[in-house]
Amino acid sequence: MTPALTALEDSITQVQVARAHQISLSKVQLWIKRYREKGLAGLASNIARSDKGKSRRLPTRSNS
């Protein structure tokens, strides 16, 4: 059972779930939102980031 489902079914707070599983509160909230919208299928989707594999570093600036 995912942490989000634990929160929904056991009536514990989202904060308690996040702390117990050492994940962010926003992640728990996202999982709950997906579950409410699409059920288990919403939790199973592995949508890749659009910037996957690209450098996220700021470009270096030369001091001339």
C-alpha atoms as a PDB file:
ATOM      1  CA  MET A   1       0.000   0.000   0.000  1.00  0.00           C
ATOM      2  CA  THR A   2       1.357   3.437  -0.886  1.00  0.00           C
ATOM      3  CA  PRO A   3       1.810   6.092   1.819  1.00  0.00           C
ATOM      4  CA  ALA A   4      -1.008   8.099   0.249  1.00  0.00           C
ATOM      5  CA  LEU A   5      -3.444   5.205   0.566  1.00  0.00           C
ATOM      6  CA  THR A   6      -2.333   4.699   4.159  1.00  0.00           C
ATOM      7  CA  ALA A   7      -3.387   8.273   4.889  1.00  0.00           C
ATOM      8  CA  LEU A   8      -6.747   7.862   3.194  1.00  0.00           C
ATOM      9  CA  GLU A   9      -7.663   4.538   4.734  1.00  0.00           C
ATOM     10  CA  ASP A  10      -6.218   4.801   8.234  1.00  0.00           C
ATOM     11  CA  SER A  11      -7.376   8.376   8.902  1.00  0.00           C
ATOM     12  CA  ILE A  12      -3.941   9.643   9.831  1.00  0.00           C
ATOM     13  CA  THR A  13      -2.740  13.044   8.739  1.00  0.00           C
ATOM     14  CA  GLN A  14      -0.799  13.628   5.559  1.00  0.00           C
ATOM     15  CA  VAL A  15       1.990  15.148   7.642  1.00  0.00           C
ATOM     16  CA  GLN A  16       2.263  11.956   9.704  1.00  0.00           C
ATOM     17  CA  VAL A  17       2.497   9.868   6.531  1.00  0.00           C
ATOM     18  CA  ALA A  18       5.187  12.120   5.064  1.00  0.00           C
ATOM     19  CA  ARG A  19       7.267  11.985   8.245  1.00  0.00           C
ATOM     20  CA  ALA A  20       6.844   8.241   8.715  1.00  0.00           C
ATOM     21  CA  HIS A  21       7.989   7.510   5.159  1.00  0.00           C
ATOM     22  CA  GLN A  22      10.531  10.345   4.968  1.00  0.00           C
ATOM     23  CA  ILE A  23       8.958  11.917   1.890  1.00  0.00           C
ATOM     24  CA  SER A  24       7.746  15.433   1.264  1.00  0.00           C
ATOM     25  CA  LEU A  25       4.246  16.500   2.176  1.00  0.00           C
ATOM     26  CA  SER A  26       3.752  17.763  -1.378  1.00  0.00           C
ATOM     27  CA  LYS A  27       4.497  14.248  -2.714  1.00  0.00           C
ATOM     28  CA  VAL A  28       1.850  12.733  -0.410  1.00  0.00           C
ATOM     29  CA  GLN A  29      -0.638  15.389  -1.511  1.00  0.00           C
ATOM     30  CA  LEU A  30       0.145  14.716  -5.174  1.00  0.00           C
ATOM     31  CA  TRP A  31      -0.398  10.972  -4.724  1.00  0.00           C
ATOM     32  CA  ILE A  32      -3.708  11.542  -2.952  1.00  0.00           C
ATOM     33  CA  LYS A  33      -4.844  13.896  -5.713  1.00  0.00           C
ATOM     34  CA  ARG A  34      -3.938  11.332  -8.396  1.00  0.00           C
ATOM     35  CA  TYR A  35      -5.684   8.558  -6.482  1.00  0.00           C
ATOM     36  CA  ARG A  36      -8.867  10.584  -6.076  1.00  0.00           C
ATOM     37  CA  GLU A  37      -8.904  11.522  -9.753  1.00  0.00           C
ATOM     38  CA  LYS A  38      -7.973   8.171 -11.347  1.00  0.00           C
ATOM     39  CA  GLY A  39      -7.847   5.520  -8.637  1.00  0.00           C
ATOM     40  CA  LEU A  40      -4.924   3.096  -8.608  1.00  0.00           C
ATOM     41  CA  ALA A  41      -4.243   3.838 -12.280  1.00  0.00           C
ATOM     42  CA  GLY A  42      -3.312   7.385 -11.299  1.00  0.00           C
ATOM     43  CA  LEU A  43      -0.611   6.079  -8.985  1.00  0.00           C
ATOM     44  CA  ALA A  44       0.767   3.640 -11.543  1.00  0.00           C
ATOM     45  CA  SER A  45       1.519   6.150 -14.280  1.00  0.00           C
ATOM     46  CA  ASN A  46       5.193   6.846 -14.748  1.00  0.00           C
ATOM     47  CA  ILE A  47       5.155  10.135 -16.567  1.00  0.00           C
ATOM     48  CA  ALA A  48       8.698  11.184 -17.407  1.00  0.00           C
ATOM     49  CA  ARG A  49       9.810  14.751 -16.957  1.00  0.00           C
ATOM     50  CA  SER A  50      10.019  16.755 -20.150  1.00  0.00           C
ATOM     51  CA  ASP A  51      13.566  17.825 -19.283  1.00  0.00           C
ATOM     52  CA  LYS A  52      14.810  14.318 -18.404  1.00  0.00           C
ATOM     53  CA  GLY A  53      18.430  13.856 -19.376  1.00  0.00           C
ATOM     54  CA  LYS A  54      19.093  17.542 -19.878  1.00  0.00           C
ATOM     55  CA  SER A  55      21.482  19.543 -17.730  1.00  0.00           C
ATOM     56  CA  ARG A  56      19.717  21.706 -15.165  1.00  0.00           C
ATOM     57  CA  ARG A  57      22.833  23.679 -14.231  1.00  0.00           C
ATOM     58  CA  LEU A  58      23.077  27.371 -14.823  1.00  0.00           C
ATOM     59  CA  PRO A  59      25.329  28.202 -17.758  1.00  0.00           C
ATOM     60  CA  THR A  60      28.800  29.326 -16.739  1.00  0.00           C
ATOM     61  CA  ARG A  61      29.620  32.937 -17.344  1.00  0.00           C
ATOM     62  CA  SER A  62      33.078  34.066 -18.279  1.00  0.00           C
ATOM     63  CA  ASN A  63      34.389  37.185 -16.520  1.00  0.00           C
ATOM     64  CA  SER A  64      36.160  39.109 -19.277  1.00  0.00           C
END
